[in-house]
């Protein structure tokens, strides 16, 4: 326990607590209005010292801006594009509000108020919060703070993008409307690649005999270097199944490419990786025609064809783990969360199976109904 002593100020008597910290240094806490307040603080402080949870109050003066350099350096393990996005979030939304703030002064209510005040999409708000929370995680790991005031707060829900699921007839019509790019529609709608993964495909990544694509890189957009090749999202390198008819469509295209490391679908003019089709491009024109003739129920994007592929996989009876591997999700929980509605049929199957079990039980002959000789009678000679 520390020692409590009064001292005089212009506003009257105050109390201070003198104590020895975990490193053996003498410290004091001043400004208590009453001796009782000082005693209460001393009890809590002594308990923290004994439990090893004591935090040096001087370290609490460290600012978020000072810790941000450590956080930015930790982004090196991310792809260039992802790191750029995270750094931009820091400079745009977090730095202006928190850079000069001492970490010991941050309260959960302050962070919550800041979250509510960011007038951007739920996705941006969640990214901004994550940035601040990760920086404060550094403070807690380094024993600058006992708890992270940015954790456990209410965050806006991300609105799920609409998912359009198509039949083979609808996909076939889209491919027809796409003309020479029809094979691209088939790949996206049946294999389920992300656009960046599709744009990075090389002949060496294709096994026509086994019907497989090897996905070990993706095209990524960066501010500094433009389009680059990076690891796939979630770093999940994988082998994915390709329908036989899609392999047949690819075969003559691959036959025209001599270099196994060349892009299968390069940009028409620049020759490098193909960018995601934008406004006024071939994909939008295809979709507009399909909408006009009633082929599509609503507008769809290149990424939306990935959802179409997921729908086909589930309809074909693929297990959730197989769907996860095909799509490159980090885990099956992500697949279930993204495509929960597609697996509703499993509930129907469960109910039907239990009904069938009950029916079998109800219609199967019972022991009393069987014409079986009495075993005791058989034992009598």
Protein backbone atom coordinates (compact mmCIF):
# COMPACT_ATOMS: atom_id res chain seq x y z
CA UNK A 1 0.00 0.00 0.00
CA UNK A 2 1.10 3.59 -0.60
CA UNK A 3 1.18 6.51 1.76
CA UNK A 4 -1.51 9.20 1.65
CA UNK A 5 -0.65 12.78 2.50
CA UNK A 6 -2.56 16.07 2.31
CA UNK A 7 -1.22 19.20 0.61
CA UNK A 8 -2.55 22.70 0.18
CA UNK A 9 -3.60 24.33 -3.09
CA UNK A 10 -5.28 27.61 -3.98
CA UNK A 11 -8.59 25.73 -4.04
CA UNK A 12 -8.10 24.04 -0.69
CA UNK A 13 -6.72 20.80 0.69
CA UNK A 14 -5.99 17.94 -1.71
CA UNK A 15 -4.52 14.48 -1.17
CA UNK A 16 -1.77 12.57 -2.92
CA UNK A 17 -0.80 8.90 -2.89
CA UNK A 18 2.88 7.97 -2.93
CA UNK A 19 3.69 4.40 -4.00
CA UNK A 20 6.39 2.18 -5.49
CA UNK A 21 5.71 0.96 -9.04
CA UNK A 22 6.48 -2.44 -10.58
CA UNK A 23 9.99 -1.31 -11.51
CA UNK A 24 10.80 -0.11 -7.99
CA UNK A 25 10.51 3.58 -8.82
CA UNK A 26 8.71 5.96 -6.48
CA UNK A 27 5.61 7.61 -7.95
CA UNK A 28 2.73 9.73 -6.81
CA UNK A 29 -0.85 10.40 -7.84
CA UNK A 30 -2.17 13.84 -6.90
CA UNK A 31 -5.41 15.78 -6.92
CA UNK A 32 -7.82 13.72 -4.79
CA UNK A 33 -10.51 15.88 -3.17
CA UNK A 34 -10.93 13.64 -0.14
CA UNK A 35 -8.81 11.17 1.77
CA UNK A 36 -11.44 8.52 1.05
CA UNK A 37 -10.98 8.97 -2.70
CA UNK A 38 -7.22 8.65 -2.29
CA UNK A 39 -7.62 5.46 -0.22
CA UNK A 40 -9.94 3.88 -2.76
CA UNK A 41 -7.52 4.66 -5.60
CA UNK A 42 -4.61 3.32 -3.54
CA UNK A 43 -6.40 0.01 -2.91
CA UNK A 44 -7.11 -0.47 -6.63
CA UNK A 45 -3.59 0.56 -7.62
CA UNK A 46 -1.99 -1.79 -5.08
CA UNK A 47 -4.16 -4.65 -6.31
CA UNK A 48 -3.09 -3.99 -9.92
CA UNK A 49 0.58 -4.03 -8.85
CA UNK A 50 0.10 -7.35 -7.06
CA UNK A 51 -1.76 -8.95 -9.98
CA UNK A 52 0.76 -7.71 -12.55
CA UNK A 53 -1.87 -5.67 -14.40
CA UNK A 54 -0.41 -2.29 -13.48
CA UNK A 55 0.18 0.09 -16.38
CA UNK A 56 2.76 2.87 -16.27
CA UNK A 57 0.69 6.07 -16.48
CA UNK A 58 3.50 7.88 -18.31
CA UNK A 59 3.13 5.49 -21.24
CA UNK A 60 -0.51 6.46 -21.56
CA UNK A 61 0.67 9.82 -22.95
CA UNK A 62 1.68 8.06 -26.18
CA UNK A 63 -0.46 9.34 -29.06
CA UNK A 64 -2.30 7.41 -31.73
CA UNK A 65 -0.12 9.15 -34.32
CA UNK A 66 3.04 7.83 -32.67
CA UNK A 67 1.67 4.29 -32.69
CA UNK A 68 0.47 4.56 -36.27
CA UNK A 69 4.01 4.22 -37.63
CA UNK A 70 4.22 0.76 -36.08
CA UNK A 71 0.82 -0.14 -37.50
CA UNK A 72 1.67 1.07 -41.02
CA UNK A 73 4.91 -0.92 -40.93
CA UNK A 74 2.88 -4.03 -40.01
CA UNK A 75 0.98 -3.76 -43.32
CA UNK A 76 4.02 -5.03 -45.21
CA UNK A 77 2.67 -8.59 -45.09
CA UNK A 78 -0.39 -7.50 -47.09
CA UNK A 79 -0.55 -7.16 -50.84
CA UNK A 80 0.33 -3.75 -52.21
CA UNK A 81 -3.25 -2.92 -53.14
CA UNK A 82 -4.67 -3.91 -49.77
CA UNK A 83 -1.97 -1.99 -47.92
CA UNK A 84 -2.76 1.10 -49.99
CA UNK A 85 -6.44 0.88 -49.06
CA UNK A 86 -5.65 0.53 -45.36
CA UNK A 87 -3.21 3.45 -45.42
CA UNK A 88 -5.74 5.61 -47.24
CA UNK A 89 -8.37 4.83 -44.58
CA UNK A 90 -5.91 5.95 -41.89
CA UNK A 91 -5.08 9.26 -43.58
CA UNK A 92 -8.67 10.06 -44.55
CA UNK A 93 -10.74 9.02 -41.55
CA UNK A 94 -8.59 8.14 -38.53
CA UNK A 95 -5.59 10.47 -38.54
CA UNK A 96 -7.56 13.76 -38.58
CA UNK A 97 -9.51 12.80 -35.46
CA UNK A 98 -7.09 10.70 -33.40
CA UNK A 99 -3.46 11.38 -34.41
CA UNK A 100 -2.71 13.81 -31.55
CA UNK A 101 -4.85 12.03 -28.94
CA UNK A 102 -3.10 10.41 -25.97
CA UNK A 103 -4.20 6.79 -25.73
CA UNK A 104 -4.97 6.97 -21.99
CA UNK A 105 -7.62 9.63 -22.63
CA UNK A 106 -9.61 7.55 -25.13
CA UNK A 107 -12.88 6.16 -23.79
CA UNK A 108 -15.22 3.70 -25.51
CA UNK A 109 -17.93 6.36 -25.61
CA UNK A 110 -15.61 8.73 -27.51
CA UNK A 111 -14.88 6.07 -30.12
CA UNK A 112 -18.57 5.14 -30.42
CA UNK A 113 -19.51 8.78 -31.00
CA UNK A 114 -16.84 9.01 -33.70
CA UNK A 115 -18.19 5.87 -35.39
CA UNK A 116 -21.70 7.32 -35.48
CA UNK A 117 -20.35 10.55 -36.94
CA UNK A 118 -18.61 9.05 -40.01
CA UNK A 119 -20.97 9.85 -42.87
CA UNK A 120 -19.85 7.10 -45.22
CA UNK A 121 -20.90 3.59 -46.18
CA UNK A 122 -21.00 0.86 -43.55
CA UNK A 123 -17.98 -0.76 -45.20
CA UNK A 124 -15.86 2.42 -44.89
CA UNK A 125 -16.98 2.98 -41.29
CA UNK A 126 -16.03 -0.57 -40.35
CA UNK A 127 -12.63 -0.21 -42.03
CA UNK A 128 -11.96 3.06 -40.19
CA UNK A 129 -12.92 1.49 -36.87
CA UNK A 130 -10.74 -1.53 -37.62
CA UNK A 131 -7.77 0.75 -38.30
CA UNK A 132 -8.12 2.53 -34.94
CA UNK A 133 -8.77 -0.72 -33.09
CA UNK A 134 -5.67 -2.36 -34.56
CA UNK A 135 -3.52 0.60 -33.51
CA UNK A 136 -4.89 0.38 -29.97
CA UNK A 137 -4.26 -3.38 -30.03
CA UNK A 138 -0.58 -2.51 -30.35
CA UNK A 139 -0.89 -0.37 -27.23
CA UNK A 140 -2.47 -3.20 -25.22
CA UNK A 141 0.08 -5.77 -26.42
CA UNK A 142 2.94 -3.46 -25.44
CA UNK A 143 1.37 -2.82 -22.02
CA UNK A 144 0.69 0.84 -22.72
CA UNK A 145 -3.01 0.24 -22.05
CA UNK A 146 -4.85 -2.36 -20.01
CA UNK A 147 -7.86 -2.63 -22.32
CA UNK A 148 -8.65 -1.57 -25.87
CA UNK A 149 -11.41 1.09 -25.76
CA UNK A 150 -12.25 0.50 -29.44
CA UNK A 151 -13.27 -3.13 -29.02
CA UNK A 152 -16.79 -4.36 -28.32
CA UNK A 153 -18.58 -1.37 -29.84
CA UNK A 154 -21.64 -1.20 -32.10
CA UNK A 155 -20.80 -1.06 -35.79
CA UNK A 156 -23.10 -0.51 -38.77
CA UNK A 157 -24.10 -3.64 -40.65
CA UNK A 158 -22.71 -4.06 -44.11
CA UNK A 159 -25.50 -4.25 -46.65
CA UNK A 160 -25.22 -7.49 -48.55
CA UNK A 161 -24.95 -7.03 -52.29
CA UNK A 162 -27.89 -8.51 -54.18
CA UNK A 163 -27.24 -12.00 -55.50
CA UNK A 164 -28.66 -13.05 -58.85
CA UNK A 165 -28.84 -16.77 -59.56
CA UNK A 166 -29.30 -17.84 -63.18
CA UNK A 167 -30.25 -21.00 -65.02
CA UNK A 168 -28.09 -22.58 -67.71
CA UNK A 169 -30.49 -21.24 -70.32
CA UNK A 170 -29.95 -17.69 -69.07
CA UNK A 171 -26.17 -18.13 -68.92
CA UNK A 172 -26.13 -19.56 -72.43
CA UNK A 173 -28.03 -16.54 -73.72
CA UNK A 174 -25.59 -14.17 -72.00
CA UNK A 175 -22.70 -16.00 -73.64
CA UNK A 176 -24.39 -15.65 -77.01
CA UNK A 177 -24.89 -11.92 -76.49
CA UNK A 178 -21.21 -11.58 -75.48
CA UNK A 179 -20.12 -12.85 -78.90
CA UNK A 180 -16.41 -13.67 -78.99
CA UNK A 181 -16.23 -13.08 -75.24
CA UNK A 182 -18.79 -15.78 -74.55
CA UNK A 183 -16.16 -18.17 -73.18
CA UNK A 184 -15.31 -15.56 -70.57
CA UNK A 185 -18.94 -15.53 -69.43
CA UNK A 186 -18.95 -19.32 -69.19
CA UNK A 187 -15.76 -19.37 -67.10
CA UNK A 188 -17.00 -16.74 -64.67
CA UNK A 189 -20.49 -18.24 -64.35
CA UNK A 190 -19.49 -21.90 -63.93
CA UNK A 191 -16.06 -21.84 -62.24
CA UNK A 192 -16.68 -18.93 -59.84
CA UNK A 193 -13.39 -17.06 -60.18
CA UNK A 194 -12.94 -13.51 -58.97
CA UNK A 195 -12.24 -11.15 -61.86
CA UNK A 196 -8.62 -10.66 -60.77
CA UNK A 197 -8.07 -14.43 -60.72
CA UNK A 198 -9.66 -14.80 -64.14
CA UNK A 199 -7.58 -11.97 -65.64
CA UNK A 200 -4.36 -13.59 -64.38
CA UNK A 201 -4.93 -16.99 -66.02
CA UNK A 202 -2.07 -18.39 -68.12
CA UNK A 203 -1.90 -21.55 -70.25
CA UNK A 204 0.34 -23.11 -67.58
CA UNK A 205 -2.54 -22.73 -65.09
CA UNK A 206 -4.90 -24.87 -67.16
CA UNK A 207 -5.13 -28.67 -67.14
CA UNK A 208 -7.58 -29.58 -69.88
CA UNK A 209 -7.25 -33.33 -69.24
CA UNK A 210 -8.25 -33.16 -65.57
CA UNK A 211 -10.49 -30.13 -65.98
CA UNK A 212 -8.66 -27.88 -63.51
CA UNK A 213 -7.44 -24.30 -63.12
CA UNK A 214 -4.53 -23.68 -60.76
CA UNK A 215 -5.20 -20.36 -59.02
CA UNK A 216 -2.02 -19.00 -57.44
CA UNK A 217 -2.16 -15.31 -58.36
CA UNK A 218 -4.59 -12.50 -59.17
CA UNK A 219 -4.51 -9.11 -60.84
CA UNK A 220 -4.74 -6.27 -58.33
CA UNK A 221 -5.16 -2.54 -58.89
CA UNK A 222 -2.70 -0.22 -57.11
CA UNK A 223 -2.26 3.54 -57.12
CA UNK A 224 1.52 3.48 -57.43
CA UNK A 225 2.10 0.70 -59.95
CA UNK A 226 -1.25 0.29 -61.70
CA UNK A 227 -2.28 -3.32 -62.31
CA UNK A 228 0.02 -5.86 -60.67
CA UNK A 229 0.03 -9.59 -59.98
CA UNK A 230 -0.43 -10.57 -56.34
CA UNK A 231 -1.54 -13.52 -54.26
CA UNK A 232 -5.25 -14.40 -54.47
CA UNK A 233 -7.57 -12.86 -51.91
CA UNK A 234 -7.25 -14.50 -48.45
CA UNK A 235 -3.94 -15.94 -49.78
CA UNK A 236 -5.82 -19.12 -50.76
CA UNK A 237 -3.96 -20.78 -53.61
CA UNK A 238 -6.16 -23.55 -54.91
CA UNK A 239 -7.07 -25.91 -57.72
CA UNK A 240 -10.62 -25.46 -59.05
CA UNK A 241 -12.86 -27.68 -61.14
CA UNK A 242 -13.70 -26.65 -64.72
CA UNK A 243 -16.65 -28.22 -66.59
CA UNK A 244 -15.68 -30.33 -69.58
CA UNK A 245 -17.59 -28.19 -72.08
CA UNK A 246 -15.73 -25.09 -70.83
CA UNK A 247 -12.43 -26.92 -71.34
CA UNK A 248 -13.56 -27.68 -74.89
CA UNK A 249 -14.24 -23.99 -75.47
CA UNK A 250 -10.79 -23.10 -74.14
CA UNK A 251 -8.86 -25.69 -76.14
CA UNK A 252 -8.70 -23.79 -79.50
CA UNK A 253 -7.82 -20.56 -77.67
CA UNK A 254 -4.90 -22.21 -75.87
CA UNK A 255 -3.74 -23.80 -79.11
CA UNK A 256 -3.05 -20.29 -80.48
CA UNK A 257 -0.80 -19.30 -77.52
CA UNK A 258 2.86 -20.41 -77.69
CA UNK A 259 4.07 -18.94 -74.39
CA UNK A 260 2.79 -20.90 -71.35
CA UNK A 261 3.30 -17.79 -69.20
CA UNK A 262 1.32 -15.45 -71.47
CA UNK A 263 -2.10 -14.22 -70.42
CA UNK A 264 -5.00 -16.17 -71.91
CA UNK A 265 -7.24 -13.10 -71.95
CA UNK A 266 -5.00 -10.00 -72.28
CA UNK A 267 -6.31 -6.46 -72.64
CA UNK A 268 -7.21 -5.94 -76.33
CA UNK A 269 -5.04 -2.84 -76.88
CA UNK A 270 -2.48 -2.60 -74.07
CA UNK A 271 -1.77 -6.31 -74.00
CA UNK A 272 -1.41 -6.44 -70.22
CA UNK A 273 -3.96 -7.68 -67.69
CA UNK A 274 -7.58 -7.00 -68.58
CA UNK A 275 -9.31 -4.51 -66.30
CA UNK A 276 -12.74 -5.22 -64.84
CA UNK A 277 -15.29 -4.22 -67.52
CA UNK A 278 -16.53 -0.73 -66.75
CA UNK A 279 -19.26 1.63 -67.84
CA UNK A 280 -20.05 1.34 -71.54
CA UNK A 281 -17.93 -1.79 -71.94
CA UNK A 282 -18.79 -5.11 -73.49
CA UNK A 283 -20.18 -6.57 -70.26
CA UNK A 284 -22.61 -3.70 -69.66
CA UNK A 285 -23.79 -3.85 -73.27
CA UNK A 286 -24.41 -7.59 -72.91
CA UNK A 287 -26.38 -7.07 -69.69
CA UNK A 288 -28.44 -4.22 -71.18
CA UNK A 289 -29.45 -6.40 -74.12
CA UNK A 290 -30.33 -9.28 -71.80
CA UNK A 291 -32.44 -7.00 -69.62
CA UNK A 292 -34.21 -5.52 -72.64
CA UNK A 293 -35.23 -8.94 -73.97
CA UNK A 294 -36.19 -10.28 -70.54
CA UNK A 295 -33.39 -12.84 -70.20
CA UNK A 296 -32.13 -11.34 -66.94
CA UNK A 297 -34.39 -10.67 -63.91
CA UNK A 298 -32.13 -7.79 -62.83
CA UNK A 299 -28.75 -6.21 -63.51
CA UNK A 300 -25.66 -8.31 -62.84
CA UNK A 301 -21.93 -7.52 -62.58
CA UNK A 302 -18.86 -9.60 -63.45
CA UNK A 303 -18.53 -10.42 -59.75
CA UNK A 304 -22.21 -11.34 -59.75
CA UNK A 305 -21.40 -14.25 -62.07
CA UNK A 306 -19.38 -15.66 -59.16
CA UNK A 307 -22.65 -15.88 -57.22
CA UNK A 308 -24.22 -17.60 -60.22
CA UNK A 309 -21.45 -20.22 -60.08
CA UNK A 310 -22.07 -20.73 -56.37
CA UNK A 311 -25.75 -21.32 -57.10
CA UNK A 312 -24.92 -23.92 -59.73
CA UNK A 313 -22.52 -25.70 -57.36
CA UNK A 314 -25.12 -25.94 -54.60
CA UNK A 315 -27.82 -27.01 -57.06
CA UNK A 316 -25.48 -29.77 -58.23
CA UNK A 317 -25.35 -31.07 -54.64
CA UNK A 318 -21.84 -29.84 -53.78
CA UNK A 319 -20.97 -29.93 -50.07
CA UNK A 320 -20.29 -26.59 -48.42
CA UNK A 321 -16.59 -27.50 -48.03
CA UNK A 322 -16.34 -28.18 -51.77
CA UNK A 323 -18.01 -24.84 -52.52
CA UNK A 324 -15.58 -23.14 -50.12
CA UNK A 325 -12.54 -24.64 -51.88
CA UNK A 326 -13.87 -23.82 -55.33
CA UNK A 327 -14.57 -20.18 -54.47
CA UNK A 328 -11.43 -19.67 -52.37
CA UNK A 329 -13.19 -18.59 -49.18
CA UNK A 330 -11.10 -18.51 -46.03
CA UNK A 331 -13.40 -20.99 -44.28
CA UNK A 332 -16.74 -22.75 -44.66
CA UNK A 333 -18.38 -20.30 -42.25
CA UNK A 334 -17.76 -17.51 -44.77
CA UNK A 335 -19.36 -19.60 -47.51
CA UNK A 336 -22.40 -20.36 -45.37
CA UNK A 337 -22.75 -16.72 -44.35
CA UNK A 338 -22.51 -15.49 -47.94
CA UNK A 339 -24.82 -18.10 -49.46
CA UNK A 340 -27.05 -19.06 -46.53
CA UNK A 341 -30.20 -18.91 -48.68
CA UNK A 342 -28.80 -21.48 -51.12
CA UNK A 343 -28.53 -24.07 -48.35
CA UNK A 344 -32.17 -23.71 -47.24
CA UNK A 345 -32.87 -26.80 -49.31
CA UNK A 346 -30.80 -28.76 -46.78
CA UNK A 347 -33.46 -27.99 -44.18
CA UNK A 348 -36.15 -29.38 -46.48
CA UNK A 349 -34.02 -32.47 -47.05
CA UNK A 350 -33.63 -32.96 -43.28
CA UNK A 351 -37.38 -32.73 -42.74
CA UNK A 352 -38.09 -35.11 -45.63
CA UNK A 353 -35.51 -37.61 -44.34
CA UNK A 354 -36.98 -37.61 -40.82
CA UNK A 355 -40.48 -37.99 -42.28
CA UNK A 356 -39.27 -40.99 -44.27
CA UNK A 357 -37.71 -42.52 -41.14
CA UNK A 358 -41.00 -42.07 -39.29
CA UNK A 359 -42.93 -43.61 -42.18
CA UNK A 360 -40.58 -46.61 -42.30
CA UNK A 361 -40.99 -47.09 -38.57
CA UNK A 362 -44.78 -46.84 -38.77
CA UNK A 363 -45.13 -49.31 -41.64
CA UNK A 364 -42.51 -51.86 -40.57
CA UNK A 365 -44.01 -55.00 -38.95
CA UNK A 366 -43.83 -55.12 -35.18
CA UNK A 367 -42.67 -58.15 -33.19
CA UNK A 368 -46.23 -58.96 -32.12
CA UNK A 369 -47.40 -59.00 -35.73
CA UNK A 370 -44.78 -61.49 -36.91
CA UNK A 371 -45.73 -65.16 -37.17
CA UNK A 372 -42.71 -66.40 -35.25
CA UNK A 373 -42.79 -69.60 -33.17
CA UNK A 374 -42.52 -69.15 -29.43
CA UNK A 375 -38.86 -69.85 -28.56
CA UNK A 376 -39.99 -71.42 -25.27
CA UNK A 377 -42.25 -73.76 -27.14
CA UNK A 378 -39.41 -74.77 -29.43
CA UNK A 379 -37.35 -75.58 -26.39
CA UNK A 380 -39.88 -78.18 -25.20
CA UNK A 381 -39.04 -81.62 -26.51
